[in-house]
Structures are given as structure tokens and as C-alpha cells.
Amino acid sequence: MEIQEKRINKHDLKMVSFESDPLVRSRNAVIAIDTAMQDSYATLKAALLAHLDPVIIVNNDDWGGTYTLIHHGVRETLRPVSAVFELAKSVSHTPLGLYVIIAPYLEQPEAQGWVPGIKAFRVVLQKALDNLQRTDLPHEGKVASHRILINAIRFIDTSLANGRFSIESFDALTAGVHDDIATNMRIAGEAQVDGVSALLTRWKAQLGEKNWKNLYAVVLSMWTTMIDNQNSIIIRKFMNQKRVATHLIDISTAEKPADPIRVALDNLGRIVMDNVAAEMVFPTDRVLADSLKGPQDLLSNVIEKILVCPHANRHVQTAAAAL
């Protein structure tokens, strides 16, 4: 044994031979319950996905939303919003496009690092201006967009001529095109409402009242647009009002998902499973049942009680001492 101890590092040996510790074996035996549950949970959820019906999935994208209806195993996917939405939105992003170029130099605008980027963006803006009148924007949208582009190009030319920009000069630009951006926002909103409303009206008639009542709608969006997402607002008006709170689901994504339908169904499968599990696991406890159903963590109520009880400090101090 002494020869082995000299040849093998004691600490490495202890880590590798973790099952030699009776406490570890006992813990693993108990933790195996949760591992088995998680495995079975995943198996059930994977099988359930094919049975989620009817479902509307919305990927909140640059085109005003890509919509998919899943019913009786058939999927219909389309973009119901006209190009007017994307056009009005694109031009309205002009000030933001300038901001992201100059932002790193706001405290030293005399530095010339922003020049290549802003020159390249000017080429993009000029090409848009040259083609603007041939787009399908309505007249007032063309007028508003023309003013946005002209003023942005003027800001660029002045900044390049002066060899610098200022927060004040940028403020003057954005204040000057504010009303035009508001006009484009209204035009984009009208295009989205018209396109989505027409689609939902058709799908509602296609499903019939009974199926529509049980409809789940899942809207995927970036965190920055999750609250009062425009697609969710429109869908809410068409859904059965008694089911909106439980059947209209907004899901935040860190990035635009490569497979939005898969992401939506995976999350919806978990929600549907937990809805039933909550009532069966906690039939006599409304608070815990609602926690298991929704986004609230199941331990949240317990944690809050521990933190507000008179002996909270004792709990915290004991835990801190253990560290």
C-alpha cells in the first residue's frame, strides 16, 4: 500500500474512487429517484409532441411574424404580413443604424474609427433613397421615409465634413425625424394587424368553434419584445377570452431559434404535462398546484417564507457558516 501511495497521488485517487465513499453511494441511491423521473418525463414529453393539437406557433421575426397552424397532423406555415411592414420598419431603423456605428466614440467623436462604418452605411441609405419611390409603401410612408433618409444622409455628410459628430447633432437628427418614424410605425402596425387578422379569421373558420376554443398559441420572441408583443396582442383579440390566460403563451428566446416550431412544441409539451400533473400531484393545495403549472418556481413560496420569518437570519447564518 505504501508503494501505491507513493506512485498514485492521494487526492487524485480520492476523486476517482468516489463510489468508495458510503455517503456518496447512499446519496446516489436516493438521487436516482429524480434521475428516473426526469428520464420518464422526457420520454413522455417526446411522445406527447405529436398529439398537441390545435396549435398556432408564431416566430416573431423581421417580416412581422411567421405563423404555423398545426391541426390533425397537418402544418400550414406562412407569413401573413405584407412587405409594407418590413419596408416601414427598415427605414425607421435608420437612426438606430447610425447609433450603433458612432456609439463606441461618443466620448471622443474626434477619433476617426467611426468613419469607415458611417461611409458604408451612407451607401446603403443612398441606394434605399434612390429606390424608395418604386416600393409598395403608401404615399405617406414614402414621404416620411424620404425625410428620414435625407436627414440621415445630411447628418453623415456634415459629420464627415467636420471630422466629428456630437450627441447634440445626433439629438437634432432624431428629434427632426421623430414624427416621420411615428408615421412609419403606424403604417407598419396597420399592415401587421390587417395581415394577421385576415389569417386568424380564416383559420378560426377552418377549425370551427369547438377546436378554436381549445387552441394553444405560442409566440416566440426576443426578451426585448416579449412584453406586449405585437403578435400576442393581435392573437389575444381572436382567442376564446376565457382561455387567453392559460392558452396564449409568450416564450422568450435569447437568440432567434433555428427551429422555432420544435422550440415552441417542446415548451408547450412541458406546459400541458405540468397542467395535468399539478392537479394530480397537489389536488389539495391550490398554491402549489398553480406554481407547478406556471412559470413560478415550485420552491418560491417556501423561500419567501424562510426569508421573512423571525428566524430567517438564523437560517442564513447557519448556511453561511457551513460554507
C-alpha atoms as a PDB file:
ATOM      1  CA  MET A   1       0.000   0.000   0.000  1.00  0.00           C
ATOM      2  CA  GLU A   2       2.866   2.369   0.769  1.00  0.00           C
ATOM      3  CA  ILE A   3       4.299   1.751  -2.708  1.00  0.00           C
ATOM      4  CA  GLN A   4       0.915   2.558  -4.272  1.00  0.00           C
ATOM      5  CA  GLU A   5       0.549   5.755  -2.232  1.00  0.00           C
ATOM      6  CA  LYS A   6       3.951   6.945  -3.460  1.00  0.00           C
ATOM      7  CA  ARG A   7       3.049   6.085  -7.054  1.00  0.00           C
ATOM      8  CA  ILE A   8      -0.539   7.466  -7.054  1.00  0.00           C
ATOM      9  CA  ASN A   9      -1.475  10.955  -5.931  1.00  0.00           C
ATOM     10  CA  LYS A  10      -3.740  10.631  -2.868  1.00  0.00           C
ATOM     11  CA  HIS A  11      -6.042  13.479  -3.893  1.00  0.00           C
ATOM     12  CA  ASP A  12      -6.465  12.118  -7.420  1.00  0.00           C
ATOM     13  CA  LEU A  13      -7.174   8.670  -6.019  1.00  0.00           C
ATOM     14  CA  LYS A  14      -9.837  10.047  -3.685  1.00  0.00           C
ATOM     15  CA  MET A  15     -11.598  11.841  -6.534  1.00  0.00           C
ATOM     16  CA  VAL A  16     -11.504   8.867  -8.911  1.00  0.00           C
ATOM     17  CA  SER A  17     -12.701   6.359  -6.326  1.00  0.00           C
ATOM     18  CA  PHE A  18     -15.805   8.385  -5.378  1.00  0.00           C
ATOM     19  CA  GLU A  19     -18.005   5.291  -5.093  1.00  0.00           C
ATOM     20  CA  SER A  20     -15.754   4.068  -2.263  1.00  0.00           C
ATOM     21  CA  ASP A  21     -17.441   6.628  -0.008  1.00  0.00           C
ATOM     22  CA  PRO A  22     -20.583   5.140   1.632  1.00  0.00           C
ATOM     23  CA  LEU A  23     -22.148   8.610   1.849  1.00  0.00           C
ATOM     24  CA  VAL A  24     -21.771   9.121  -1.900  1.00  0.00           C
ATOM     25  CA  ARG A  25     -23.344   5.733  -2.620  1.00  0.00           C
ATOM     26  CA  SER A  26     -26.244   6.471  -0.292  1.00  0.00           C
ATOM     27  CA  ARG A  27     -26.827   9.895  -1.828  1.00  0.00           C
ATOM     28  CA  ASN A  28     -26.736   8.488  -5.361  1.00  0.00           C
ATOM     29  CA  ALA A  29     -29.253   5.811  -4.434  1.00  0.00           C
ATOM     30  CA  VAL A  30     -31.733   8.452  -3.277  1.00  0.00           C
ATOM     31  CA  ILE A  31     -30.989  10.915  -6.100  1.00  0.00           C
ATOM     32  CA  ALA A  32     -31.675   8.095  -8.573  1.00  0.00           C
ATOM     33  CA  ILE A  33     -35.386   8.693  -7.922  1.00  0.00           C
ATOM     34  CA  ASP A  34     -35.206  12.125  -9.548  1.00  0.00           C
ATOM     35  CA  THR A  35     -32.983  10.860 -12.358  1.00  0.00           C
ATOM     36  CA  ALA A  36     -35.515   8.155 -13.190  1.00  0.00           C
ATOM     37  CA  MET A  37     -38.346  10.688 -13.044  1.00  0.00           C
ATOM     38  CA  GLN A  38     -36.504  13.068 -15.395  1.00  0.00           C
ATOM     39  CA  ASP A  39     -35.865  10.255 -17.881  1.00  0.00           C
ATOM     40  CA  SER A  40     -39.519   9.192 -17.878  1.00  0.00           C
ATOM     41  CA  TYR A  41     -40.622  12.844 -18.069  1.00  0.00           C
ATOM     42  CA  ALA A  42     -38.501  13.359 -21.191  1.00  0.00           C
ATOM     43  CA  THR A  43     -39.881  10.168 -22.761  1.00  0.00           C
ATOM     44  CA  LEU A  44     -43.483  11.233 -22.154  1.00  0.00           C
ATOM     45  CA  LYS A  45     -42.866  14.765 -23.457  1.00  0.00           C
ATOM     46  CA  ALA A  46     -41.229  13.498 -26.640  1.00  0.00           C
ATOM     47  CA  ALA A  47     -44.215  11.236 -27.317  1.00  0.00           C
ATOM     48  CA  LEU A  48     -46.720  13.984 -26.471  1.00  0.00           C
ATOM     49  CA  LEU A  49     -45.485  16.481 -29.066  1.00  0.00           C
ATOM     50  CA  ALA A  50     -47.231  14.688 -31.923  1.00  0.00           C
ATOM     51  CA  HIS A  51     -50.543  14.963 -30.066  1.00  0.00           C
ATOM     52  CA  LEU A  52     -50.520  18.717 -29.364  1.00  0.00           C
ATOM     53  CA  ASP A  53     -53.498  19.984 -31.359  1.00  0.00           C
ATOM     54  CA  PRO A  54     -54.616  22.544 -32.395  1.00  0.00           C
ATOM     55  CA  VAL A  55     -51.629  24.884 -32.051  1.00  0.00           C
ATOM     56  CA  ILE A  56     -50.610  28.164 -33.633  1.00  0.00           C
ATOM     57  CA  ILE A  57     -46.899  28.931 -33.424  1.00  0.00           C
ATOM     58  CA  VAL A  58     -45.602  32.416 -34.151  1.00  0.00           C
ATOM     59  CA  ASN A  59     -41.962  33.213 -34.710  1.00  0.00           C
ATOM     60  CA  ASN A  60     -41.755  36.957 -34.132  1.00  0.00           C
ATOM     61  CA  ASP A  61     -39.319  37.808 -36.935  1.00  0.00           C
ATOM     62  CA  ASP A  62     -38.364  40.682 -39.228  1.00  0.00           C
ATOM     63  CA  TRP A  63     -41.325  40.008 -41.522  1.00  0.00           C
ATOM     64  CA  GLY A  64     -43.986  40.670 -38.894  1.00  0.00           C
ATOM     65  CA  GLY A  65     -44.247  37.045 -37.832  1.00  0.00           C
ATOM     66  CA  THR A  66     -44.074  33.604 -39.415  1.00  0.00           C
ATOM     67  CA  TYR A  67     -47.254  31.710 -38.495  1.00  0.00           C
ATOM     68  CA  THR A  68     -47.736  27.948 -38.356  1.00  0.00           C
ATOM     69  CA  LEU A  69     -51.029  26.158 -37.715  1.00  0.00           C
ATOM     70  CA  ILE A  70     -50.819  22.527 -36.603  1.00  0.00           C
ATOM     71  CA  HIS A  71     -54.073  20.574 -36.775  1.00  0.00           C
ATOM     72  CA  HIS A  72     -54.758  16.880 -37.356  1.00  0.00           C
ATOM     73  CA  GLY A  73     -51.104  16.290 -38.169  1.00  0.00           C
ATOM     74  CA  VAL A  74     -51.067  18.911 -40.935  1.00  0.00           C
ATOM     75  CA  ARG A  75     -48.913  22.045 -40.788  1.00  0.00           C
ATOM     76  CA  GLU A  76     -49.559  25.279 -42.662  1.00  0.00           C
ATOM     77  CA  THR A  77     -46.807  27.881 -42.456  1.00  0.00           C
ATOM     78  CA  LEU A  78     -46.885  31.341 -43.986  1.00  0.00           C
ATOM     79  CA  ARG A  79     -46.025  34.994 -43.437  1.00  0.00           C
ATOM     80  CA  PRO A  80     -49.320  36.880 -43.436  1.00  0.00           C
ATOM     81  CA  VAL A  81     -47.949  40.426 -43.189  1.00  0.00           C
ATOM     82  CA  SER A  82     -47.330  42.409 -46.379  1.00  0.00           C
ATOM     83  CA  ALA A  83     -43.928  43.823 -47.375  1.00  0.00           C
ATOM     84  CA  VAL A  84     -45.124  47.265 -46.271  1.00  0.00           C
ATOM     85  CA  PHE A  85     -44.406  46.234 -42.673  1.00  0.00           C
ATOM     86  CA  GLU A  86     -40.793  45.363 -43.389  1.00  0.00           C
ATOM     87  CA  LEU A  87     -40.234  48.463 -45.545  1.00  0.00           C
ATOM     88  CA  ALA A  88     -41.581  50.913 -42.965  1.00  0.00           C
ATOM     89  CA  LYS A  89     -39.683  49.179 -40.174  1.00  0.00           C
ATOM     90  CA  SER A  90     -36.445  49.108 -42.136  1.00  0.00           C
ATOM     91  CA  VAL A  91     -36.366  52.841 -42.841  1.00  0.00           C
ATOM     92  CA  SER A  92     -37.379  53.617 -39.261  1.00  0.00           C
ATOM     93  CA  HIS A  93     -34.280  51.760 -38.044  1.00  0.00           C
ATOM     94  CA  THR A  94     -32.046  54.335 -39.747  1.00  0.00           C
ATOM     95  CA  PRO A  95     -31.246  56.344 -36.568  1.00  0.00           C
ATOM     96  CA  LEU A  96     -30.526  53.106 -34.705  1.00  0.00           C
ATOM     97  CA  GLY A  97     -28.231  52.054 -37.531  1.00  0.00           C
ATOM     98  CA  LEU A  98     -26.282  55.306 -37.110  1.00  0.00           C
ATOM     99  CA  TYR A  99     -26.205  54.986 -33.335  1.00  0.00           C
ATOM    100  CA  VAL A 100     -24.546  51.557 -33.303  1.00  0.00           C
ATOM    101  CA  ILE A 101     -21.777  52.918 -35.538  1.00  0.00           C
ATOM    102  CA  ILE A 102     -20.993  56.034 -33.504  1.00  0.00           C
ATOM    103  CA  ALA A 103     -21.725  54.658 -30.012  1.00  0.00           C
ATOM    104  CA  PRO A 104     -18.155  53.483 -29.259  1.00  0.00           C
ATOM    105  CA  TYR A 105     -16.890  57.012 -29.948  1.00  0.00           C
ATOM    106  CA  LEU A 106     -19.485  59.096 -28.101  1.00  0.00           C
ATOM    107  CA  GLU A 107     -16.913  60.315 -25.571  1.00  0.00           C
ATOM    108  CA  GLN A 108     -14.287  61.073 -28.221  1.00  0.00           C
ATOM    109  CA  PRO A 109     -16.023  61.845 -31.521  1.00  0.00           C
ATOM    110  CA  GLU A 110     -12.804  63.321 -32.918  1.00  0.00           C
ATOM    111  CA  ALA A 111     -11.454  59.781 -33.221  1.00  0.00           C
ATOM    112  CA  GLN A 112     -11.942  58.582 -36.760  1.00  0.00           C
ATOM    113  CA  GLY A 113     -12.827  54.948 -36.086  1.00  0.00           C
ATOM    114  CA  TRP A 114     -16.476  55.595 -36.920  1.00  0.00           C
ATOM    115  CA  VAL A 115     -15.727  56.969 -40.395  1.00  0.00           C
ATOM    116  CA  PRO A 116     -15.498  53.692 -42.400  1.00  0.00           C
ATOM    117  CA  GLY A 117     -18.707  52.344 -40.897  1.00  0.00           C
ATOM    118  CA  ILE A 118     -20.689  55.505 -41.447  1.00  0.00           C
ATOM    119  CA  LYS A 119     -19.450  55.837 -45.033  1.00  0.00           C
ATOM    120  CA  ALA A 120     -20.562  52.273 -45.759  1.00  0.00           C
ATOM    121  CA  PHE A 121     -23.956  52.959 -44.167  1.00  0.00           C
ATOM    122  CA  ARG A 122     -24.329  56.087 -46.295  1.00  0.00           C
ATOM    123  CA  VAL A 123     -24.051  53.938 -49.419  1.00  0.00           C
ATOM    124  CA  VAL A 124     -26.873  51.730 -48.091  1.00  0.00           C
ATOM    125  CA  LEU A 125     -29.057  54.750 -47.284  1.00  0.00           C
ATOM    126  CA  GLN A 126     -28.458  56.380 -50.668  1.00  0.00           C
ATOM    127  CA  LYS A 127     -29.398  53.199 -52.515  1.00  0.00           C
ATOM    128  CA  ALA A 128     -32.584  52.953 -50.436  1.00  0.00           C
ATOM    129  CA  LEU A 129     -33.401  56.586 -51.223  1.00  0.00           C
ATOM    130  CA  ASP A 130     -32.843  56.032 -54.956  1.00  0.00           C
ATOM    131  CA  ASN A 131     -35.298  53.111 -54.944  1.00  0.00           C
ATOM    132  CA  LEU A 132     -37.817  54.354 -52.379  1.00  0.00           C
ATOM    133  CA  GLN A 133     -40.451  55.676 -54.796  1.00  0.00           C
ATOM    134  CA  ARG A 134     -40.601  52.342 -56.621  1.00  0.00           C
ATOM    135  CA  THR A 135     -41.548  50.377 -53.490  1.00  0.00           C
ATOM    136  CA  ASP A 136     -45.071  49.477 -52.384  1.00  0.00           C
ATOM    137  CA  LEU A 137     -45.047  51.813 -49.386  1.00  0.00           C
ATOM    138  CA  PRO A 138     -48.141  54.017 -49.324  1.00  0.00           C
ATOM    139  CA  HIS A 139     -47.655  57.666 -50.275  1.00  0.00           C
ATOM    140  CA  GLU A 140     -47.413  58.973 -46.708  1.00  0.00           C
ATOM    141  CA  GLY A 141     -44.897  56.261 -45.936  1.00  0.00           C
ATOM    142  CA  LYS A 142     -42.769  57.303 -48.882  1.00  0.00           C
ATOM    143  CA  VAL A 143     -42.899  60.928 -47.773  1.00  0.00           C
ATOM    144  CA  ALA A 144     -41.952  60.074 -44.201  1.00  0.00           C
ATOM    145  CA  SER A 145     -39.215  57.667 -45.289  1.00  0.00           C
ATOM    146  CA  HIS A 146     -37.790  60.233 -47.714  1.00  0.00           C
ATOM    147  CA  ARG A 147     -37.404  62.745 -44.901  1.00  0.00           C
ATOM    148  CA  ILE A 148     -35.792  60.161 -42.609  1.00  0.00           C
ATOM    149  CA  LEU A 149     -33.242  59.181 -45.260  1.00  0.00           C
ATOM    150  CA  ILE A 150     -32.465  62.730 -46.397  1.00  0.00           C
ATOM    151  CA  ASN A 151     -31.872  63.912 -42.835  1.00  0.00           C
ATOM    152  CA  ALA A 152     -29.735  60.881 -42.003  1.00  0.00           C
ATOM    153  CA  ILE A 153     -27.561  61.411 -45.083  1.00  0.00           C
ATOM    154  CA  ARG A 154     -27.238  65.089 -44.178  1.00  0.00           C
ATOM    155  CA  PHE A 155     -26.097  64.124 -40.670  1.00  0.00           C
ATOM    156  CA  ILE A 156     -23.473  61.799 -42.145  1.00  0.00           C
ATOM    157  CA  ASP A 157     -22.197  64.370 -44.658  1.00  0.00           C
ATOM    158  CA  THR A 158     -21.970  67.095 -42.022  1.00  0.00           C
ATOM    159  CA  SER A 159     -20.189  64.791 -39.574  1.00  0.00           C
ATOM    160  CA  LEU A 160     -17.679  63.718 -42.214  1.00  0.00           C
ATOM    161  CA  ALA A 161     -17.064  67.312 -43.308  1.00  0.00           C
ATOM    162  CA  ASN A 162     -16.475  68.409 -39.695  1.00  0.00           C
ATOM    163  CA  GLY A 163     -14.415  65.344 -38.839  1.00  0.00           C
ATOM    164  CA  ARG A 164     -16.574  64.794 -35.805  1.00  0.00           C
ATOM    165  CA  PHE A 165     -20.142  64.392 -34.595  1.00  0.00           C
ATOM    166  CA  SER A 166     -21.780  65.244 -31.284  1.00  0.00           C
ATOM    167  CA  ILE A 167     -24.564  63.923 -29.136  1.00  0.00           C
ATOM    168  CA  GLU A 168     -26.320  67.228 -29.766  1.00  0.00           C
ATOM    169  CA  SER A 169     -26.107  66.849 -33.550  1.00  0.00           C
ATOM    170  CA  PHE A 170     -27.480  63.318 -33.291  1.00  0.00           C
ATOM    171  CA  ASP A 171     -30.265  64.561 -31.000  1.00  0.00           C
ATOM    172  CA  ALA A 172     -31.169  67.143 -33.633  1.00  0.00           C
ATOM    173  CA  LEU A 173     -31.424  64.420 -36.259  1.00  0.00           C
ATOM    174  CA  THR A 174     -33.604  62.092 -34.211  1.00  0.00           C
ATOM    175  CA  ALA A 175     -35.863  64.900 -32.976  1.00  0.00           C
ATOM    176  CA  GLY A 176     -36.324  66.063 -36.552  1.00  0.00           C
ATOM    177  CA  VAL A 177     -37.462  62.658 -37.845  1.00  0.00           C
ATOM    178  CA  HIS A 178     -39.484  61.613 -34.794  1.00  0.00           C
ATOM    179  CA  ASP A 179     -42.863  62.311 -36.374  1.00  0.00           C
ATOM    180  CA  ASP A 180     -41.850  60.537 -39.581  1.00  0.00           C
ATOM    181  CA  ILE A 181     -40.820  57.446 -37.626  1.00  0.00           C
ATOM    182  CA  ALA A 182     -44.169  57.585 -35.819  1.00  0.00           C
ATOM    183  CA  THR A 183     -45.913  57.654 -39.210  1.00  0.00           C
ATOM    184  CA  ASN A 184     -43.981  54.599 -40.369  1.00  0.00           C
ATOM    185  CA  MET A 185     -44.717  52.803 -37.112  1.00  0.00           C
ATOM    186  CA  ARG A 186     -48.441  53.344 -37.669  1.00  0.00           C
ATOM    187  CA  ILE A 187     -48.185  52.116 -41.250  1.00  0.00           C
ATOM    188  CA  ALA A 188     -46.276  49.013 -40.140  1.00  0.00           C
ATOM    189  CA  GLY A 189     -48.810  48.373 -37.375  1.00  0.00           C
ATOM    190  CA  GLU A 190     -51.728  48.627 -39.772  1.00  0.00           C
ATOM    191  CA  ALA A 191     -50.060  46.211 -42.196  1.00  0.00           C
ATOM    192  CA  GLN A 192     -49.467  43.721 -39.404  1.00  0.00           C
ATOM    193  CA  VAL A 193     -52.974  43.952 -37.970  1.00  0.00           C
ATOM    194  CA  ASP A 194     -54.552  43.579 -41.410  1.00  0.00           C
ATOM    195  CA  GLY A 195     -52.422  40.593 -42.432  1.00  0.00           C
ATOM    196  CA  VAL A 196     -52.611  38.668 -39.165  1.00  0.00           C
ATOM    197  CA  SER A 197     -56.319  39.388 -38.670  1.00  0.00           C
ATOM    198  CA  ALA A 198     -57.169  38.039 -42.106  1.00  0.00           C
ATOM    199  CA  LEU A 199     -55.190  34.864 -41.439  1.00  0.00           C
ATOM    200  CA  LEU A 200     -56.654  34.260 -37.987  1.00  0.00           C
ATOM    201  CA  THR A 201     -60.179  34.840 -39.320  1.00  0.00           C
ATOM    202  CA  ARG A 202     -59.594  32.150 -41.955  1.00  0.00           C
ATOM    203  CA  TRP A 203     -58.023  29.708 -39.520  1.00  0.00           C
ATOM    204  CA  LYS A 204     -60.807  30.218 -36.980  1.00  0.00           C
ATOM    205  CA  ALA A 205     -63.436  29.385 -39.599  1.00  0.00           C
ATOM    206  CA  GLN A 206     -61.358  26.424 -40.733  1.00  0.00           C
ATOM    207  CA  LEU A 207     -61.064  24.948 -37.208  1.00  0.00           C
ATOM    208  CA  GLY A 208     -64.604  25.647 -36.043  1.00  0.00           C
ATOM    209  CA  GLU A 209     -65.653  26.979 -32.649  1.00  0.00           C
ATOM    210  CA  LYS A 210     -65.001  23.778 -30.681  1.00  0.00           C
ATOM    211  CA  ASN A 211     -61.407  23.373 -31.849  1.00  0.00           C
ATOM    212  CA  TRP A 212     -60.755  27.115 -31.668  1.00  0.00           C
ATOM    213  CA  LYS A 213     -61.819  27.133 -28.026  1.00  0.00           C
ATOM    214  CA  ASN A 214     -59.082  24.609 -27.208  1.00  0.00           C
ATOM    215  CA  LEU A 215     -56.444  26.354 -29.323  1.00  0.00           C
ATOM    216  CA  TYR A 216     -52.985  26.960 -27.876  1.00  0.00           C
ATOM    217  CA  ALA A 217     -50.969  29.844 -29.326  1.00  0.00           C
ATOM    218  CA  VAL A 218     -47.233  30.022 -28.684  1.00  0.00           C
ATOM    219  CA  VAL A 219     -45.368  33.229 -29.551  1.00  0.00           C
ATOM    220  CA  LEU A 220     -41.576  33.131 -29.667  1.00  0.00           C
ATOM    221  CA  SER A 221     -39.797  36.458 -29.353  1.00  0.00           C
ATOM    222  CA  MET A 222     -36.596  38.037 -28.128  1.00  0.00           C
ATOM    223  CA  TRP A 223     -36.644  39.116 -24.474  1.00  0.00           C
ATOM    224  CA  THR A 224     -36.662  42.776 -25.555  1.00  0.00           C
ATOM    225  CA  THR A 225     -40.022  42.360 -27.317  1.00  0.00           C
ATOM    226  CA  MET A 226     -41.705  39.744 -25.125  1.00  0.00           C
ATOM    227  CA  ILE A 227     -43.874  42.092 -23.053  1.00  0.00           C
ATOM    228  CA  ASP A 228     -46.909  43.244 -25.038  1.00  0.00           C
ATOM    229  CA  ASN A 229     -45.529  41.607 -28.147  1.00  0.00           C
ATOM    230  CA  GLN A 230     -47.453  42.874 -31.160  1.00  0.00           C
ATOM    231  CA  ASN A 231     -48.375  39.404 -32.397  1.00  0.00           C
ATOM    232  CA  SER A 232     -49.606  38.371 -28.958  1.00  0.00           C
ATOM    233  CA  ILE A 233     -51.783  41.485 -28.775  1.00  0.00           C
ATOM    234  CA  ILE A 234     -53.469  40.651 -32.084  1.00  0.00           C
ATOM    235  CA  ILE A 235     -53.903  36.942 -31.311  1.00  0.00           C
ATOM    236  CA  ARG A 236     -55.386  37.748 -27.887  1.00  0.00           C
ATOM    237  CA  LYS A 237     -58.297  39.549 -29.591  1.00  0.00           C
ATOM    238  CA  PHE A 238     -59.183  36.447 -31.594  1.00  0.00           C
ATOM    239  CA  MET A 239     -58.820  33.746 -28.954  1.00  0.00           C
ATOM    240  CA  ASN A 240     -61.511  32.464 -26.636  1.00  0.00           C
ATOM    241  CA  GLN A 241     -61.284  35.096 -23.902  1.00  0.00           C
ATOM    242  CA  LYS A 242     -61.764  32.563 -21.118  1.00  0.00           C
ATOM    243  CA  ARG A 243     -58.696  30.669 -22.297  1.00  0.00           C
ATOM    244  CA  VAL A 244     -56.301  33.523 -23.065  1.00  0.00           C
ATOM    245  CA  ALA A 245     -54.593  33.450 -19.663  1.00  0.00           C
ATOM    246  CA  THR A 246     -53.734  29.746 -19.987  1.00  0.00           C
ATOM    247  CA  HIS A 247     -53.596  29.152 -23.740  1.00  0.00           C
ATOM    248  CA  LEU A 248     -51.695  32.182 -25.066  1.00  0.00           C
ATOM    249  CA  ILE A 249     -48.058  31.536 -24.219  1.00  0.00           C
ATOM    250  CA  ASP A 250     -45.213  34.008 -24.723  1.00  0.00           C
ATOM    251  CA  ILE A 251     -41.771  32.425 -24.710  1.00  0.00           C
ATOM    252  CA  SER A 252     -38.582  34.460 -24.589  1.00  0.00           C
ATOM    253  CA  THR A 253     -35.569  33.290 -26.580  1.00  0.00           C
ATOM    254  CA  ALA A 254     -32.003  34.534 -26.231  1.00  0.00           C
ATOM    255  CA  GLU A 255     -31.486  34.303 -29.987  1.00  0.00           C
ATOM    256  CA  LYS A 256     -33.737  33.629 -32.939  1.00  0.00           C
ATOM    257  CA  PRO A 257     -34.222  29.835 -32.839  1.00  0.00           C
ATOM    258  CA  ALA A 258     -33.022  27.725 -35.741  1.00  0.00           C
ATOM    259  CA  ASP A 259     -36.128  25.518 -35.383  1.00  0.00           C
ATOM    260  CA  PRO A 260     -38.880  27.677 -33.847  1.00  0.00           C
ATOM    261  CA  ILE A 261     -41.570  25.014 -34.245  1.00  0.00           C
ATOM    262  CA  ARG A 262     -39.534  22.481 -32.310  1.00  0.00           C
ATOM    263  CA  VAL A 263     -38.770  25.007 -29.565  1.00  0.00           C
ATOM    264  CA  ALA A 264     -42.429  26.016 -29.288  1.00  0.00           C
ATOM    265  CA  LEU A 265     -43.755  22.451 -29.175  1.00  0.00           C
ATOM    266  CA  ASP A 266     -41.130  21.362 -26.658  1.00  0.00           C
ATOM    267  CA  ASN A 267     -42.152  24.162 -24.306  1.00  0.00           C
ATOM    268  CA  LEU A 268     -45.863  23.602 -24.905  1.00  0.00           C
ATOM    269  CA  GLY A 269     -45.470  19.886 -24.214  1.00  0.00           C
ATOM    270  CA  ARG A 270     -43.970  20.670 -20.823  1.00  0.00           C
ATOM    271  CA  ILE A 271     -46.762  23.148 -20.064  1.00  0.00           C
ATOM    272  CA  VAL A 272     -49.556  20.716 -20.964  1.00  0.00           C
ATOM    273  CA  MET A 273     -47.929  17.903 -18.974  1.00  0.00           C
ATOM    274  CA  ASP A 274     -47.477  20.141 -15.929  1.00  0.00           C
ATOM    275  CA  ASN A 275     -51.086  21.350 -16.134  1.00  0.00           C
ATOM    276  CA  VAL A 276     -52.312  17.799 -15.555  1.00  0.00           C
ATOM    277  CA  ALA A 277     -49.503  16.827 -13.183  1.00  0.00           C
ATOM    278  CA  ALA A 278     -50.206  19.829 -10.957  1.00  0.00           C
ATOM    279  CA  GLU A 279     -53.811  18.802 -10.364  1.00  0.00           C
ATOM    280  CA  MET A 280     -52.868  15.173  -9.698  1.00  0.00           C
ATOM    281  CA  VAL A 281     -49.793  15.745  -7.524  1.00  0.00           C
ATOM    282  CA  PHE A 282     -51.242  18.631  -5.492  1.00  0.00           C
ATOM    283  CA  PRO A 283     -55.025  18.079  -5.542  1.00  0.00           C
ATOM    284  CA  THR A 284     -55.499  19.682  -2.105  1.00  0.00           C
ATOM    285  CA  ASP A 285     -53.043  22.586  -2.395  1.00  0.00           C
ATOM    286  CA  ARG A 286     -54.055  25.327  -4.840  1.00  0.00           C
ATOM    287  CA  VAL A 287     -50.898  27.379  -4.288  1.00  0.00           C
ATOM    288  CA  LEU A 288     -48.504  24.533  -5.074  1.00  0.00           C
ATOM    289  CA  ALA A 289     -50.639  23.326  -7.975  1.00  0.00           C
ATOM    290  CA  ASP A 290     -50.573  26.780  -9.564  1.00  0.00           C
ATOM    291  CA  SER A 291     -46.811  27.005  -9.001  1.00  0.00           C
ATOM    292  CA  LEU A 292     -46.220  23.703 -10.762  1.00  0.00           C
ATOM    293  CA  LYS A 293     -48.450  24.773 -13.635  1.00  0.00           C
ATOM    294  CA  GLY A 294     -46.969  28.178 -14.308  1.00  0.00           C
ATOM    295  CA  PRO A 295     -43.617  29.950 -14.560  1.00  0.00           C
ATOM    296  CA  GLN A 296     -43.385  30.398 -10.796  1.00  0.00           C
ATOM    297  CA  ASP A 297     -40.726  28.193  -9.211  1.00  0.00           C
ATOM    298  CA  LEU A 298     -42.220  25.499  -7.005  1.00  0.00           C
ATOM    299  CA  LEU A 299     -39.951  26.456  -4.089  1.00  0.00           C
ATOM    300  CA  SER A 300     -40.608  30.198  -4.376  1.00  0.00           C
ATOM    301  CA  ASN A 301     -43.277  30.298  -1.669  1.00  0.00           C
ATOM    302  CA  VAL A 302     -41.104  28.289   0.722  1.00  0.00           C
ATOM    303  CA  ILE A 303     -38.083  30.526   0.069  1.00  0.00           C
ATOM    304  CA  GLU A 304     -40.124  33.672   0.663  1.00  0.00           C
ATOM    305  CA  LYS A 305     -41.449  32.310   3.976  1.00  0.00           C
ATOM    306  CA  ILE A 306     -37.929  31.420   5.131  1.00  0.00           C
ATOM    307  CA  LEU A 307     -36.618  34.874   4.273  1.00  0.00           C
ATOM    308  CA  VAL A 308     -39.405  36.779   6.049  1.00  0.00           C
ATOM    309  CA  CYS A 309     -39.801  34.590   9.152  1.00  0.00           C
ATOM    310  CA  PRO A 310     -38.332  35.822  12.511  1.00  0.00           C
ATOM    311  CA  HIS A 311     -35.675  33.106  12.394  1.00  0.00           C
ATOM    312  CA  ALA A 312     -34.576  33.898   8.833  1.00  0.00           C
ATOM    313  CA  ASN A 313     -31.246  35.284   9.969  1.00  0.00           C
ATOM    314  CA  ARG A 314     -30.519  32.066  11.846  1.00  0.00           C
ATOM    315  CA  HIS A 315     -31.148  30.047   8.690  1.00  0.00           C
ATOM    316  CA  VAL A 316     -28.929  32.316   6.617  1.00  0.00           C
ATOM    317  CA  GLN A 317     -26.155  32.448   9.227  1.00  0.00           C
ATOM    318  CA  THR A 318     -26.171  28.667   9.613  1.00  0.00           C
ATOM    319  CA  ALA A 319     -25.903  28.198   5.873  1.00  0.00           C
ATOM    320  CA  ALA A 320     -23.137  30.797   5.631  1.00  0.00           C
ATOM    321  CA  ALA A 321     -21.190  29.095   8.410  1.00  0.00           C
ATOM    322  CA  ALA A 322     -21.429  25.790   6.541  1.00  0.00           C
ATOM    323  CA  LEU A 323     -19.666  27.358   3.605  1.00  0.00           C
END
